[in-house]
Amino acid sequence: MKIIMLGAPGAGKGTQAKKVAKKYNIPHISTGDIFRANIKEGTELGKRAKEYMDKGELVPDDITIGMLLDRIHKADCKDGFVLDGFPRTIPQAKSLSEALSKLNEKIDYAINIDVPDDSIITRMSGRRACLSCGSTYHIKYSAPKKENICDNCGSELVIRDDDKPETVKKRLDVYHKQTQPLIDYYDNENILANVDGTKDMEEVFLDIVAVLG
């Protein structure tokens, strides 16, 4: 089972990807992990990717896809995999489809975790972090016992820049511009399944399992 997880930042696709990977005993593959592994191992692609990352530039598609194909043809992927964070654009999706088709393989499911922007902004702007011990909270879903104070070490909690409403809105704008067309792309390929991401995390997971069977 070759699965792609789609969803806006904060929709919970990373969490669901891990749960799916665990249930079906297939690897959860995120582009971040692939980059880190290649750079750590000093592979040719890793060195090329690092040059771009060091300059703060996006790694070109051909390098990313090269690393990805390398990863999905390792022995642990023989029964499938869950891709998280890739593809992000139509050119990446097409390149991936072409590369797989040369090997007589294809993506089986693209699962889109659908959450309205307003809900994501509320979800993410409610996060609080302790910079001292790394604990995380949410003012609505898992609030600290004392407002803005870490339960574990007593330090003051902060809202990370990434979670500020204006930053979240910008990230969502980029997502809609870049990644939304992927939803149409996989819909046309007849492999898209939309799942309501506003439900409880466990319910969302059960809905995904119902799709995958």
C-alpha atoms as a PDB file:
ATOM      1  CA  MET A   1       0.000   0.000   0.000  1.00  0.00           C
ATOM      2  CA  LYS A   2       1.607   3.237  -1.194  1.00  0.00           C
ATOM      3  CA  ILE A   3      -0.054   6.177   0.529  1.00  0.00           C
ATOM      4  CA  ILE A   4       0.337   9.958   0.338  1.00  0.00           C
ATOM      5  CA  MET A   5      -0.964  12.091   3.195  1.00  0.00           C
ATOM      6  CA  LEU A   6      -2.213  15.559   2.279  1.00  0.00           C
ATOM      7  CA  GLY A   7      -3.418  18.336   4.546  1.00  0.00           C
ATOM      8  CA  ALA A   8      -2.680  21.905   5.547  1.00  0.00           C
ATOM      9  CA  PRO A   9      -0.099  22.739   8.246  1.00  0.00           C
ATOM     10  CA  GLY A  10      -1.769  21.941  11.570  1.00  0.00           C
ATOM     11  CA  ALA A  11      -4.361  19.568  10.046  1.00  0.00           C
ATOM     12  CA  GLY A  12      -2.730  16.645  11.880  1.00  0.00           C
ATOM     13  CA  LYS A  13      -1.413  14.734   8.865  1.00  0.00           C
ATOM     14  CA  GLY A  14       1.939  13.938  10.539  1.00  0.00           C
ATOM     15  CA  THR A  15       0.199  12.359  13.529  1.00  0.00           C
ATOM     16  CA  GLN A  16      -2.157  10.354  11.303  1.00  0.00           C
ATOM     17  CA  ALA A  17       0.688   9.282   8.986  1.00  0.00           C
ATOM     18  CA  LYS A  18       2.531   7.799  11.986  1.00  0.00           C
ATOM     19  CA  LYS A  19      -0.599   5.988  13.193  1.00  0.00           C
ATOM     20  CA  VAL A  20      -1.270   4.540   9.713  1.00  0.00           C
ATOM     21  CA  ALA A  21       2.370   3.441   9.376  1.00  0.00           C
ATOM     22  CA  LYS A  22       2.197   1.681  12.746  1.00  0.00           C
ATOM     23  CA  LYS A  23      -1.120  -0.068  12.024  1.00  0.00           C
ATOM     24  CA  TYR A  24      -0.073  -1.398   8.606  1.00  0.00           C
ATOM     25  CA  ASN A  25       3.562  -1.975   9.606  1.00  0.00           C
ATOM     26  CA  ILE A  26       4.948   0.173   6.785  1.00  0.00           C
ATOM     27  CA  PRO A  27       7.471   3.026   7.101  1.00  0.00           C
ATOM     28  CA  HIS A  28       6.399   6.630   7.677  1.00  0.00           C
ATOM     29  CA  ILE A  29       8.570   8.697   5.341  1.00  0.00           C
ATOM     30  CA  SER A  30       8.876  12.459   5.718  1.00  0.00           C
ATOM     31  CA  THR A  31      11.067  14.572   3.456  1.00  0.00           C
ATOM     32  CA  GLY A  32      12.706  16.145   6.514  1.00  0.00           C
ATOM     33  CA  ASP A  33      13.850  12.703   7.716  1.00  0.00           C
ATOM     34  CA  ILE A  34      15.158  11.813   4.230  1.00  0.00           C
ATOM     35  CA  PHE A  35      17.160  15.043   4.007  1.00  0.00           C
ATOM     36  CA  ARG A  36      18.646  14.550   7.464  1.00  0.00           C
ATOM     37  CA  ALA A  37      19.586  10.909   6.760  1.00  0.00           C
ATOM     38  CA  ASN A  38      21.271  11.731   3.428  1.00  0.00           C
ATOM     39  CA  ILE A  39      23.188  14.655   4.897  1.00  0.00           C
ATOM     40  CA  LYS A  40      24.279  12.572   7.895  1.00  0.00           C
ATOM     41  CA  GLU A  41      25.400   9.685   5.652  1.00  0.00           C
ATOM     42  CA  GLY A  42      27.187  12.133   3.344  1.00  0.00           C
ATOM     43  CA  THR A  43      25.538  10.765   0.184  1.00  0.00           C
ATOM     44  CA  GLU A  44      26.052  12.597  -3.116  1.00  0.00           C
ATOM     45  CA  LEU A  45      22.414  13.774  -3.093  1.00  0.00           C
ATOM     46  CA  GLY A  46      22.763  14.753   0.574  1.00  0.00           C
ATOM     47  CA  LYS A  47      25.789  16.943  -0.206  1.00  0.00           C
ATOM     48  CA  ARG A  48      23.932  18.632  -3.070  1.00  0.00           C
ATOM     49  CA  ALA A  49      20.842  19.194  -0.897  1.00  0.00           C
ATOM     50  CA  LYS A  50      22.968  20.677   1.899  1.00  0.00           C
ATOM     51  CA  GLU A  51      24.421  23.289  -0.455  1.00  0.00           C
ATOM     52  CA  TYR A  52      20.928  24.637  -1.123  1.00  0.00           C
ATOM     53  CA  MET A  53      19.784  24.340   2.503  1.00  0.00           C
ATOM     54  CA  ASP A  54      22.868  26.184   3.766  1.00  0.00           C
ATOM     55  CA  LYS A  55      21.949  29.080   1.480  1.00  0.00           C
ATOM     56  CA  GLY A  56      18.362  28.997   2.761  1.00  0.00           C
ATOM     57  CA  GLU A  57      17.098  27.944  -0.667  1.00  0.00           C
ATOM     58  CA  LEU A  58      14.566  25.245  -1.571  1.00  0.00           C
ATOM     59  CA  VAL A  59      16.112  21.939  -2.601  1.00  0.00           C
ATOM     60  CA  PRO A  60      15.351  21.344  -6.332  1.00  0.00           C
ATOM     61  CA  ASP A  61      12.799  18.655  -7.181  1.00  0.00           C
ATOM     62  CA  ASP A  62      15.257  16.349  -8.969  1.00  0.00           C
ATOM     63  CA  ILE A  63      17.415  16.047  -5.827  1.00  0.00           C
ATOM     64  CA  THR A  64      14.404  15.543  -3.535  1.00  0.00           C
ATOM     65  CA  ILE A  65      12.887  12.902  -5.837  1.00  0.00           C
ATOM     66  CA  GLY A  66      16.253  11.160  -6.180  1.00  0.00           C
ATOM     67  CA  MET A  67      16.476  10.813  -2.392  1.00  0.00           C
ATOM     68  CA  LEU A  68      12.842   9.757  -2.160  1.00  0.00           C
ATOM     69  CA  LEU A  69      13.158   7.010  -4.789  1.00  0.00           C
ATOM     70  CA  ASP A  70      16.268   5.787  -3.023  1.00  0.00           C
ATOM     71  CA  ARG A  71      14.327   5.613   0.241  1.00  0.00           C
ATOM     72  CA  ILE A  72      11.187   3.898  -1.066  1.00  0.00           C
ATOM     73  CA  HIS A  73      13.220   1.127  -2.658  1.00  0.00           C
ATOM     74  CA  LYS A  74      14.841   0.082   0.601  1.00  0.00           C
ATOM     75  CA  ALA A  75      13.827  -3.357   1.919  1.00  0.00           C
ATOM     76  CA  ASP A  76      11.480  -2.009   4.623  1.00  0.00           C
ATOM     77  CA  CYS A  77       9.232  -0.477   1.914  1.00  0.00           C
ATOM     78  CA  LYS A  78       8.452  -3.762   0.178  1.00  0.00           C
ATOM     79  CA  ASP A  79       4.879  -3.749   1.583  1.00  0.00           C
ATOM     80  CA  GLY A  80       4.381  -0.017   1.002  1.00  0.00           C
ATOM     81  CA  PHE A  81       4.958   3.305   2.731  1.00  0.00           C
ATOM     82  CA  VAL A  82       3.251   6.491   3.926  1.00  0.00           C
ATOM     83  CA  LEU A  83       4.590   9.725   2.423  1.00  0.00           C
ATOM     84  CA  ASP A  84       4.241  12.808   4.600  1.00  0.00           C
ATOM     85  CA  GLY A  85       5.206  16.256   3.259  1.00  0.00           C
ATOM     86  CA  PHE A  86       5.790  15.138  -0.308  1.00  0.00           C
ATOM     87  CA  PRO A  87       4.759  15.892  -2.982  1.00  0.00           C
ATOM     88  CA  ARG A  88       4.027  19.577  -2.315  1.00  0.00           C
ATOM     89  CA  THR A  89       3.584  20.747  -5.915  1.00  0.00           C
ATOM     90  CA  ILE A  90       2.147  19.429  -9.199  1.00  0.00           C
ATOM     91  CA  PRO A  91       5.616  19.072 -10.834  1.00  0.00           C
ATOM     92  CA  GLN A  92       6.729  16.939  -7.843  1.00  0.00           C
ATOM     93  CA  ALA A  93       3.572  14.802  -8.087  1.00  0.00           C
ATOM     94  CA  LYS A  94       4.059  14.258 -11.818  1.00  0.00           C
ATOM     95  CA  SER A  95       7.756  13.414 -11.397  1.00  0.00           C
ATOM     96  CA  LEU A  96       6.904  10.918  -8.664  1.00  0.00           C
ATOM     97  CA  SER A  97       4.168   9.284 -10.797  1.00  0.00           C
ATOM     98  CA  GLU A  98       6.520   9.046 -13.789  1.00  0.00           C
ATOM     99  CA  ALA A  99       9.372   7.600 -11.725  1.00  0.00           C
ATOM    100  CA  LEU A 100       7.062   4.983 -10.158  1.00  0.00           C
ATOM    101  CA  SER A 101       5.419   4.135 -13.463  1.00  0.00           C
ATOM    102  CA  LYS A 102       8.835   3.282 -14.979  1.00  0.00           C
ATOM    103  CA  LEU A 103       9.051   0.657 -12.233  1.00  0.00           C
ATOM    104  CA  ASN A 104       5.460  -0.533 -12.855  1.00  0.00           C
ATOM    105  CA  GLU A 105       4.407   0.953  -9.527  1.00  0.00           C
ATOM    106  CA  LYS A 106       1.921   3.630  -8.515  1.00  0.00           C
ATOM    107  CA  ILE A 107       0.479   5.485  -5.546  1.00  0.00           C
ATOM    108  CA  ASP A 108      -2.616   3.666  -4.242  1.00  0.00           C
ATOM    109  CA  TYR A 109      -4.205   6.327  -2.026  1.00  0.00           C
ATOM    110  CA  ALA A 110      -3.925  10.075  -1.462  1.00  0.00           C
ATOM    111  CA  ILE A 111      -5.627  10.842   1.843  1.00  0.00           C
ATOM    112  CA  ASN A 112      -6.550  14.499   2.330  1.00  0.00           C
ATOM    113  CA  ILE A 113      -7.202  15.542   5.930  1.00  0.00           C
ATOM    114  CA  ASP A 114      -9.629  18.384   5.449  1.00  0.00           C
ATOM    115  CA  VAL A 115      -9.752  21.125   8.110  1.00  0.00           C
ATOM    116  CA  PRO A 116     -11.117  24.667   7.528  1.00  0.00           C
ATOM    117  CA  ASP A 117      -8.559  27.495   7.856  1.00  0.00           C
ATOM    118  CA  ASP A 118     -10.370  29.051  10.859  1.00  0.00           C
ATOM    119  CA  SER A 119     -10.079  25.792  12.807  1.00  0.00           C
ATOM    120  CA  ILE A 120      -6.370  25.484  11.970  1.00  0.00           C
ATOM    121  CA  ILE A 121      -5.667  29.065  13.075  1.00  0.00           C
ATOM    122  CA  THR A 122      -7.497  28.408  16.384  1.00  0.00           C
ATOM    123  CA  ARG A 123      -5.694  25.078  16.795  1.00  0.00           C
ATOM    124  CA  MET A 124      -2.198  26.412  16.159  1.00  0.00           C
ATOM    125  CA  SER A 125      -2.485  29.822  17.810  1.00  0.00           C
ATOM    126  CA  GLY A 126      -3.582  28.040  21.001  1.00  0.00           C
ATOM    127  CA  ARG A 127      -0.279  26.164  21.278  1.00  0.00           C
ATOM    128  CA  ARG A 128       2.125  27.165  24.034  1.00  0.00           C
ATOM    129  CA  ALA A 129       5.689  25.968  24.553  1.00  0.00           C
ATOM    130  CA  CYS A 130       8.150  25.891  27.432  1.00  0.00           C
ATOM    131  CA  LEU A 131      11.549  26.910  26.092  1.00  0.00           C
ATOM    132  CA  SER A 132      13.257  25.605  29.261  1.00  0.00           C
ATOM    133  CA  CYS A 133      12.188  21.942  29.237  1.00  0.00           C
ATOM    134  CA  GLY A 134      10.501  21.555  25.835  1.00  0.00           C
ATOM    135  CA  SER A 135       7.012  20.722  27.173  1.00  0.00           C
ATOM    136  CA  THR A 136       4.093  21.759  24.953  1.00  0.00           C
ATOM    137  CA  TYR A 137       0.514  22.716  25.823  1.00  0.00           C
ATOM    138  CA  HIS A 138      -2.666  23.955  24.209  1.00  0.00           C
ATOM    139  CA  ILE A 139      -4.835  26.546  25.947  1.00  0.00           C
ATOM    140  CA  LYS A 140      -7.999  24.700  24.853  1.00  0.00           C
ATOM    141  CA  TYR A 141      -7.058  21.009  24.547  1.00  0.00           C
ATOM    142  CA  SER A 142      -4.266  20.472  27.093  1.00  0.00           C
ATOM    143  CA  ALA A 143      -3.922  23.585  29.210  1.00  0.00           C
ATOM    144  CA  PRO A 144      -1.273  23.899  31.951  1.00  0.00           C
ATOM    145  CA  LYS A 145      -2.596  23.754  35.537  1.00  0.00           C
ATOM    146  CA  LYS A 146      -1.584  27.400  36.060  1.00  0.00           C
ATOM    147  CA  GLU A 147      -2.143  29.821  33.189  1.00  0.00           C
ATOM    148  CA  ASN A 148       1.008  30.349  31.081  1.00  0.00           C
ATOM    149  CA  ILE A 149       3.218  28.427  33.525  1.00  0.00           C
ATOM    150  CA  CYS A 150       4.842  25.080  32.702  1.00  0.00           C
ATOM    151  CA  ASP A 151       3.577  22.207  34.901  1.00  0.00           C
ATOM    152  CA  ASN A 152       6.970  20.492  34.757  1.00  0.00           C
ATOM    153  CA  CYS A 153       9.509  23.207  35.490  1.00  0.00           C
ATOM    154  CA  GLY A 154       7.565  26.363  36.411  1.00  0.00           C
ATOM    155  CA  SER A 155       8.943  28.444  33.540  1.00  0.00           C
ATOM    156  CA  GLU A 156       6.782  30.897  31.633  1.00  0.00           C
ATOM    157  CA  LEU A 157       5.178  29.522  28.451  1.00  0.00           C
ATOM    158  CA  VAL A 158       5.508  31.283  25.104  1.00  0.00           C
ATOM    159  CA  ILE A 159       3.733  31.228  21.750  1.00  0.00           C
ATOM    160  CA  ARG A 160       6.261  30.281  19.062  1.00  0.00           C
ATOM    161  CA  ASP A 161       6.561  32.556  16.014  1.00  0.00           C
ATOM    162  CA  ASP A 162       5.370  29.660  13.832  1.00  0.00           C
ATOM    163  CA  ASP A 163       2.127  29.468  15.804  1.00  0.00           C
ATOM    164  CA  LYS A 164       1.228  33.174  15.758  1.00  0.00           C
ATOM    165  CA  PRO A 165      -2.069  33.722  13.876  1.00  0.00           C
ATOM    166  CA  GLU A 166      -0.495  35.986  11.226  1.00  0.00           C
ATOM    167  CA  THR A 167       2.272  33.399  10.535  1.00  0.00           C
ATOM    168  CA  VAL A 168      -0.237  30.534  10.396  1.00  0.00           C
ATOM    169  CA  LYS A 169      -2.360  32.526   7.922  1.00  0.00           C
ATOM    170  CA  LYS A 170       0.686  33.120   5.682  1.00  0.00           C
ATOM    171  CA  ARG A 171       1.571  29.408   5.779  1.00  0.00           C
ATOM    172  CA  LEU A 172      -2.014  28.516   4.862  1.00  0.00           C
ATOM    173  CA  ASP A 173      -1.951  30.960   1.931  1.00  0.00           C
ATOM    174  CA  VAL A 174       1.220  29.280   0.619  1.00  0.00           C
ATOM    175  CA  TYR A 175      -0.359  25.853   1.157  1.00  0.00           C
ATOM    176  CA  HIS A 176      -3.511  26.746  -0.795  1.00  0.00           C
ATOM    177  CA  LYS A 177      -1.521  28.219  -3.657  1.00  0.00           C
ATOM    178  CA  GLN A 178       1.013  25.375  -3.925  1.00  0.00           C
ATOM    179  CA  THR A 179      -0.592  22.250  -2.561  1.00  0.00           C
ATOM    180  CA  GLN A 180      -4.329  22.683  -3.145  1.00  0.00           C
ATOM    181  CA  PRO A 181      -3.897  21.823  -6.875  1.00  0.00           C
ATOM    182  CA  LEU A 182      -2.541  18.423  -5.740  1.00  0.00           C
ATOM    183  CA  ILE A 183      -5.956  17.586  -4.336  1.00  0.00           C
ATOM    184  CA  ASP A 184      -7.467  18.100  -7.805  1.00  0.00           C
ATOM    185  CA  TYR A 185      -4.581  16.184  -9.391  1.00  0.00           C
ATOM    186  CA  TYR A 186      -5.105  13.070  -7.236  1.00  0.00           C
ATOM    187  CA  ASP A 187      -8.872  13.419  -7.547  1.00  0.00           C
ATOM    188  CA  ASN A 188      -8.460  13.170 -11.336  1.00  0.00           C
ATOM    189  CA  GLU A 189      -6.290  10.083 -10.791  1.00  0.00           C
ATOM    190  CA  ASN A 190      -9.219   8.558  -8.822  1.00  0.00           C
ATOM    191  CA  ILE A 191      -7.115   7.844  -5.748  1.00  0.00           C
ATOM    192  CA  LEU A 192      -8.154  10.788  -3.530  1.00  0.00           C
ATOM    193  CA  ALA A 193     -10.082  10.281  -0.289  1.00  0.00           C
ATOM    194  CA  ASN A 194     -11.178  13.303   1.763  1.00  0.00           C
ATOM    195  CA  VAL A 195     -11.378  12.789   5.512  1.00  0.00           C
ATOM    196  CA  ASP A 196     -12.971  15.253   7.955  1.00  0.00           C
ATOM    197  CA  GLY A 197     -10.037  16.419  10.100  1.00  0.00           C
ATOM    198  CA  THR A 198     -12.183  18.439  12.532  1.00  0.00           C
ATOM    199  CA  LYS A 199     -13.241  15.253  14.364  1.00  0.00           C
ATOM    200  CA  ASP A 200     -11.460  13.761  17.347  1.00  0.00           C
ATOM    201  CA  MET A 201      -7.989  12.398  16.424  1.00  0.00           C
ATOM    202  CA  GLU A 202      -9.060   8.768  16.985  1.00  0.00           C
ATOM    203  CA  GLU A 203     -12.196   9.212  14.847  1.00  0.00           C
ATOM    204  CA  VAL A 204     -10.108  10.712  12.016  1.00  0.00           C
ATOM    205  CA  PHE A 205      -7.842   7.666  12.214  1.00  0.00           C
ATOM    206  CA  LEU A 206     -10.795   5.254  12.049  1.00  0.00           C
ATOM    207  CA  ASP A 207     -12.113   7.112   8.984  1.00  0.00           C
ATOM    208  CA  ILE A 208      -8.712   6.722   7.288  1.00  0.00           C
ATOM    209  CA  VAL A 209      -8.622   2.992   8.133  1.00  0.00           C
ATOM    210  CA  ALA A 210     -12.133   2.651   6.658  1.00  0.00           C
ATOM    211  CA  VAL A 211     -10.769   4.065   3.380  1.00  0.00           C
ATOM    212  CA  LEU A 212      -7.650   1.874   3.372  1.00  0.00           C
ATOM    213  CA  GLY A 213      -9.497  -1.283   4.459  1.00  0.00           C
END
